[in-house]
Amino acid sequence: MEQEQLLKQIIEEVMKSMNGNKEIDKSHTVSNTDRMDVTNYPLGEKVPERIKTPTGKLLSEITLDKVISGEIGSSDVRISPETLEMQAQVSESVNKDAFANNLRRASELIAVPDDRLLEIYNLLRPYRSTKEELYDIARELEEKYNCTVNANFVREAADVYEARGRLRKDI
């Protein structure tokens, strides 16, 4: 339990420093004329024609019959970066900027395969990685998946772990 509390404290410290950093990647931003706000919420009811899966299927195309027949697969029911960006814009319209930033970080991670995300998550736990290994993960996120915000998050975590003595020590 002590390790969980420590992890929570480290995450809170990193998040505090990130919230002060307003440089959020908005590469998925919809044009200002198409910006979402609270009047578009919930998106599935108010603007269903704008919601597409990463495979390009419209929300209205996803039906139970198509799932049963195999016409719709698991990749067809994932959220897209564009939908997360629309949700982020709705959040900003009601002054929930921190939540909007979380949605944008999540939209970056859609490009990362699930198994790799789980590996990275485990490597981010205290004492699991060296600083160099965490910096390598950050480089991979940035260069291979274009996850610049998340890469910075991993670098900051590595620096906090170093300051708190929570890095794995190579013997």
C-alpha atoms as a PDB file:
ATOM      1  CA  MET A   1       0.000   0.000   0.000  1.00  0.00           C
ATOM      2  CA  GLU A   2       2.915   2.335   0.755  1.00  0.00           C
ATOM      3  CA  GLN A   3       4.155   1.973  -2.836  1.00  0.00           C
ATOM      4  CA  GLU A   4       0.678   2.858  -4.190  1.00  0.00           C
ATOM      5  CA  GLN A   5       0.613   6.023  -2.046  1.00  0.00           C
ATOM      6  CA  LEU A   6       4.085   6.937  -3.256  1.00  0.00           C
ATOM      7  CA  LEU A   7       3.049   6.407  -6.871  1.00  0.00           C
ATOM      8  CA  LYS A   8      -0.015   8.600  -6.317  1.00  0.00           C
ATOM      9  CA  GLN A   9       2.162  11.377  -4.868  1.00  0.00           C
ATOM     10  CA  ILE A  10       4.589  11.199  -7.775  1.00  0.00           C
ATOM     11  CA  ILE A  11       1.788  11.308 -10.323  1.00  0.00           C
ATOM     12  CA  GLU A  12       0.214  14.284  -8.541  1.00  0.00           C
ATOM     13  CA  GLU A  13       3.544  16.111  -8.549  1.00  0.00           C
ATOM     14  CA  VAL A  14       4.064  15.485 -12.263  1.00  0.00           C
ATOM     15  CA  MET A  15       0.471  16.505 -13.042  1.00  0.00           C
ATOM     16  CA  LYS A  16       0.855  19.758 -11.089  1.00  0.00           C
ATOM     17  CA  SER A  17       3.925  20.667 -13.105  1.00  0.00           C
ATOM     18  CA  MET A  18       2.183  19.677 -16.354  1.00  0.00           C
ATOM     19  CA  ASN A  19      -0.920  21.733 -15.603  1.00  0.00           C
ATOM     20  CA  GLY A  20       1.295  24.781 -15.398  1.00  0.00           C
ATOM     21  CA  ASN A  21       2.576  23.933 -18.881  1.00  0.00           C
ATOM     22  CA  LYS A  22      -0.053  25.106 -21.357  1.00  0.00           C
ATOM     23  CA  GLU A  23       1.766  23.673 -24.390  1.00  0.00           C
ATOM     24  CA  ILE A  24      -0.714  20.988 -25.352  1.00  0.00           C
ATOM     25  CA  ASP A  25      -0.487  19.423 -28.792  1.00  0.00           C
ATOM     26  CA  LYS A  26      -3.610  20.393 -30.681  1.00  0.00           C
ATOM     27  CA  SER A  27      -2.708  18.701 -33.950  1.00  0.00           C
ATOM     28  CA  HIS A  28      -6.124  17.048 -33.996  1.00  0.00           C
ATOM     29  CA  THR A  29      -7.950  20.343 -33.473  1.00  0.00           C
ATOM     30  CA  VAL A  30     -11.013  20.933 -35.592  1.00  0.00           C
ATOM     31  CA  SER A  31     -11.158  24.314 -37.294  1.00  0.00           C
ATOM     32  CA  ASN A  32     -12.435  27.216 -35.173  1.00  0.00           C
ATOM     33  CA  THR A  33     -15.633  27.436 -37.215  1.00  0.00           C
ATOM     34  CA  ASP A  34     -16.410  23.810 -36.314  1.00  0.00           C
ATOM     35  CA  ARG A  35     -15.467  24.095 -32.645  1.00  0.00           C
ATOM     36  CA  MET A  36     -17.529  22.097 -30.194  1.00  0.00           C
ATOM     37  CA  ASP A  37     -19.019  23.516 -27.022  1.00  0.00           C
ATOM     38  CA  VAL A  38     -21.480  22.486 -24.343  1.00  0.00           C
ATOM     39  CA  THR A  39     -24.409  22.894 -26.738  1.00  0.00           C
ATOM     40  CA  ASN A  40     -23.011  19.951 -28.744  1.00  0.00           C
ATOM     41  CA  TYR A  41     -22.987  17.645 -25.717  1.00  0.00           C
ATOM     42  CA  PRO A  42     -23.594  14.739 -25.669  1.00  0.00           C
ATOM     43  CA  LEU A  43     -21.871  14.374 -29.014  1.00  0.00           C
ATOM     44  CA  GLY A  44     -23.571  11.060 -29.827  1.00  0.00           C
ATOM     45  CA  GLU A  45     -26.981  12.712 -29.643  1.00  0.00           C
ATOM     46  CA  LYS A  46     -26.246  16.222 -30.891  1.00  0.00           C
ATOM     47  CA  VAL A  47     -23.668  15.653 -33.654  1.00  0.00           C
ATOM     48  CA  PRO A  48     -23.639  11.902 -34.399  1.00  0.00           C
ATOM     49  CA  GLU A  49     -22.739  12.604 -38.035  1.00  0.00           C
ATOM     50  CA  ARG A  50     -19.387  14.003 -36.851  1.00  0.00           C
ATOM     51  CA  ILE A  51     -18.410  10.937 -34.821  1.00  0.00           C
ATOM     52  CA  LYS A  52     -16.308   8.433 -36.716  1.00  0.00           C
ATOM     53  CA  THR A  53     -14.241   5.498 -35.596  1.00  0.00           C
ATOM     54  CA  PRO A  54     -10.530   5.272 -36.422  1.00  0.00           C
ATOM     55  CA  THR A  55     -11.549   2.985 -39.316  1.00  0.00           C
ATOM     56  CA  GLY A  56     -13.831   5.726 -40.695  1.00  0.00           C
ATOM     57  CA  LYS A  57     -17.178   4.203 -39.775  1.00  0.00           C
ATOM     58  CA  LEU A  58     -19.911   6.564 -38.620  1.00  0.00           C
ATOM     59  CA  LEU A  59     -21.468   6.041 -35.217  1.00  0.00           C
ATOM     60  CA  SER A  60     -24.803   5.335 -36.931  1.00  0.00           C
ATOM     61  CA  GLU A  61     -23.215   2.441 -38.845  1.00  0.00           C
ATOM     62  CA  ILE A  62     -22.426   0.528 -35.659  1.00  0.00           C
ATOM     63  CA  THR A  63     -25.338  -1.770 -34.911  1.00  0.00           C
ATOM     64  CA  LEU A  64     -25.743  -4.966 -32.937  1.00  0.00           C
ATOM     65  CA  ASP A  65     -26.691  -6.849 -36.111  1.00  0.00           C
ATOM     66  CA  LYS A  66     -23.448  -5.776 -37.792  1.00  0.00           C
ATOM     67  CA  VAL A  67     -21.433  -6.793 -34.733  1.00  0.00           C
ATOM     68  CA  ILE A  68     -23.097 -10.213 -34.648  1.00  0.00           C
ATOM     69  CA  SER A  69     -22.548 -10.727 -38.373  1.00  0.00           C
ATOM     70  CA  GLY A  70     -18.863  -9.804 -38.018  1.00  0.00           C
ATOM     71  CA  GLU A  71     -19.173  -6.746 -40.246  1.00  0.00           C
ATOM     72  CA  ILE A  72     -18.137  -4.579 -37.281  1.00  0.00           C
ATOM     73  CA  GLY A  73     -14.987  -5.592 -35.416  1.00  0.00           C
ATOM     74  CA  SER A  74     -13.216  -4.359 -32.306  1.00  0.00           C
ATOM     75  CA  SER A  75     -11.210  -1.787 -34.275  1.00  0.00           C
ATOM     76  CA  ASP A  76     -14.520  -0.305 -35.444  1.00  0.00           C
ATOM     77  CA  VAL A  77     -15.703   0.512 -31.946  1.00  0.00           C
ATOM     78  CA  ARG A  78     -12.652   2.361 -30.681  1.00  0.00           C
ATOM     79  CA  ILE A  79     -12.726   6.103 -30.142  1.00  0.00           C
ATOM     80  CA  SER A  80     -10.879   8.287 -32.627  1.00  0.00           C
ATOM     81  CA  PRO A  81      -8.472  11.133 -31.874  1.00  0.00           C
ATOM     82  CA  GLU A  82     -10.916  13.506 -33.577  1.00  0.00           C
ATOM     83  CA  THR A  83     -13.755  12.483 -31.257  1.00  0.00           C
ATOM     84  CA  LEU A  84     -11.516  12.951 -28.224  1.00  0.00           C
ATOM     85  CA  GLU A  85     -10.588  16.399 -29.544  1.00  0.00           C
ATOM     86  CA  MET A  86     -14.266  17.301 -29.870  1.00  0.00           C
ATOM     87  CA  GLN A  87     -14.806  16.113 -26.276  1.00  0.00           C
ATOM     88  CA  ALA A  88     -11.813  18.229 -25.200  1.00  0.00           C
ATOM     89  CA  GLN A  89     -13.345  21.289 -26.829  1.00  0.00           C
ATOM     90  CA  VAL A  90     -16.644  20.683 -25.018  1.00  0.00           C
ATOM     91  CA  SER A  91     -14.689  20.421 -21.752  1.00  0.00           C
ATOM     92  CA  GLU A  92     -12.869  23.684 -22.437  1.00  0.00           C
ATOM     93  CA  SER A  93     -16.168  25.418 -23.139  1.00  0.00           C
ATOM     94  CA  VAL A  94     -17.166  24.747 -19.507  1.00  0.00           C
ATOM     95  CA  ASN A  95     -13.714  25.639 -18.139  1.00  0.00           C
ATOM     96  CA  LYS A  96     -12.593  22.054 -17.549  1.00  0.00           C
ATOM     97  CA  ASP A  97      -9.152  22.653 -19.046  1.00  0.00           C
ATOM     98  CA  ALA A  98      -7.363  19.946 -17.063  1.00  0.00           C
ATOM     99  CA  PHE A  99      -9.853  17.342 -18.280  1.00  0.00           C
ATOM    100  CA  ALA A 100      -9.485  18.655 -21.849  1.00  0.00           C
ATOM    101  CA  ASN A 101      -5.711  18.206 -21.567  1.00  0.00           C
ATOM    102  CA  ASN A 102      -6.218  14.616 -20.347  1.00  0.00           C
ATOM    103  CA  LEU A 103      -8.420  13.891 -23.359  1.00  0.00           C
ATOM    104  CA  ARG A 104      -5.740  15.266 -25.691  1.00  0.00           C
ATOM    105  CA  ARG A 105      -3.085  13.112 -24.030  1.00  0.00           C
ATOM    106  CA  ALA A 106      -5.387  10.123 -24.493  1.00  0.00           C
ATOM    107  CA  SER A 107      -5.899  10.992 -28.161  1.00  0.00           C
ATOM    108  CA  GLU A 108      -2.144  10.809 -28.691  1.00  0.00           C
ATOM    109  CA  LEU A 109      -1.996   7.341 -27.169  1.00  0.00           C
ATOM    110  CA  ILE A 110      -4.509   5.874 -29.613  1.00  0.00           C
ATOM    111  CA  ALA A 111      -1.599   5.342 -32.013  1.00  0.00           C
ATOM    112  CA  VAL A 112       0.259   3.169 -29.489  1.00  0.00           C
ATOM    113  CA  PRO A 113      -0.635  -0.549 -29.553  1.00  0.00           C
ATOM    114  CA  ASP A 114      -2.435  -1.737 -26.403  1.00  0.00           C
ATOM    115  CA  ASP A 115       0.226  -4.276 -25.467  1.00  0.00           C
ATOM    116  CA  ARG A 116       2.951  -1.633 -25.710  1.00  0.00           C
ATOM    117  CA  LEU A 117       0.888   0.776 -23.587  1.00  0.00           C
ATOM    118  CA  LEU A 118       0.604  -1.850 -20.882  1.00  0.00           C
ATOM    119  CA  GLU A 119       4.364  -2.473 -21.014  1.00  0.00           C
ATOM    120  CA  ILE A 120       5.030   1.259 -20.699  1.00  0.00           C
ATOM    121  CA  TYR A 121       2.581   1.536 -17.815  1.00  0.00           C
ATOM    122  CA  ASN A 122       4.410  -1.222 -15.942  1.00  0.00           C
ATOM    123  CA  LEU A 123       7.802   0.321 -16.694  1.00  0.00           C
ATOM    124  CA  LEU A 124       6.595   3.634 -15.246  1.00  0.00           C
ATOM    125  CA  ARG A 125       6.034   2.100 -11.819  1.00  0.00           C
ATOM    126  CA  PRO A 126       8.633   2.979  -9.179  1.00  0.00           C
ATOM    127  CA  TYR A 127      11.880   0.967  -9.265  1.00  0.00           C
ATOM    128  CA  ARG A 128      10.991  -0.701 -12.594  1.00  0.00           C
ATOM    129  CA  SER A 129      13.183   1.371 -14.927  1.00  0.00           C
ATOM    130  CA  THR A 130      16.356   3.371 -15.067  1.00  0.00           C
ATOM    131  CA  LYS A 131      16.258   7.012 -16.074  1.00  0.00           C
ATOM    132  CA  GLU A 132      17.811   6.097 -19.413  1.00  0.00           C
ATOM    133  CA  GLU A 133      15.121   3.468 -20.063  1.00  0.00           C
ATOM    134  CA  LEU A 134      12.375   5.993 -19.307  1.00  0.00           C
ATOM    135  CA  TYR A 135      14.007   8.535 -21.606  1.00  0.00           C
ATOM    136  CA  ASP A 136      14.165   5.828 -24.297  1.00  0.00           C
ATOM    137  CA  ILE A 137      10.410   5.277 -23.863  1.00  0.00           C
ATOM    138  CA  ALA A 138       9.848   9.012 -24.215  1.00  0.00           C
ATOM    139  CA  ARG A 139      11.913   9.051 -27.409  1.00  0.00           C
ATOM    140  CA  GLU A 140       9.931   6.087 -28.765  1.00  0.00           C
ATOM    141  CA  LEU A 141       6.611   7.775 -27.979  1.00  0.00           C
ATOM    142  CA  GLU A 142       7.756  10.942 -29.696  1.00  0.00           C
ATOM    143  CA  GLU A 143       9.486   9.508 -32.751  1.00  0.00           C
ATOM    144  CA  LYS A 144       7.454   6.379 -33.487  1.00  0.00           C
ATOM    145  CA  TYR A 145       3.962   7.474 -32.428  1.00  0.00           C
ATOM    146  CA  ASN A 146       4.118  11.301 -32.446  1.00  0.00           C
ATOM    147  CA  CYS A 147       3.073  11.420 -28.771  1.00  0.00           C
ATOM    148  CA  THR A 148       4.898  14.605 -27.818  1.00  0.00           C
ATOM    149  CA  VAL A 149       2.821  15.514 -24.764  1.00  0.00           C
ATOM    150  CA  ASN A 150       3.030  11.992 -23.337  1.00  0.00           C
ATOM    151  CA  ALA A 151       6.759  11.826 -24.093  1.00  0.00           C
ATOM    152  CA  ASN A 152       7.253  14.961 -22.010  1.00  0.00           C
ATOM    153  CA  PHE A 153       5.146  13.380 -19.254  1.00  0.00           C
ATOM    154  CA  VAL A 154       7.438  10.324 -19.184  1.00  0.00           C
ATOM    155  CA  ARG A 155      10.559  12.528 -19.071  1.00  0.00           C
ATOM    156  CA  GLU A 156       9.114  14.504 -16.174  1.00  0.00           C
ATOM    157  CA  ALA A 157       8.258  11.259 -14.370  1.00  0.00           C
ATOM    158  CA  ALA A 158      11.849  10.078 -14.863  1.00  0.00           C
ATOM    159  CA  ASP A 159      13.158  13.326 -13.389  1.00  0.00           C
ATOM    160  CA  VAL A 160      10.805  13.093 -10.396  1.00  0.00           C
ATOM    161  CA  TYR A 161      11.764   9.449  -9.820  1.00  0.00           C
ATOM    162  CA  GLU A 162      15.421  10.446  -9.914  1.00  0.00           C
ATOM    163  CA  ALA A 163      14.866  13.249  -7.399  1.00  0.00           C
ATOM    164  CA  ARG A 164      12.978  10.880  -5.077  1.00  0.00           C
ATOM    165  CA  GLY A 165      15.319   7.905  -5.513  1.00  0.00           C
ATOM    166  CA  ARG A 166      12.663   5.735  -7.164  1.00  0.00           C
ATOM    167  CA  LEU A 167      14.595   4.593 -10.240  1.00  0.00           C
ATOM    168  CA  ARG A 168      15.780   1.003 -10.691  1.00  0.00           C
ATOM    169  CA  LYS A 169      19.436   0.776  -9.841  1.00  0.00           C
ATOM    170  CA  ASP A 170      21.561  -1.337 -12.132  1.00  0.00           C
ATOM    171  CA  ILE A 171      23.987  -3.528 -10.192  1.00  0.00           C
END
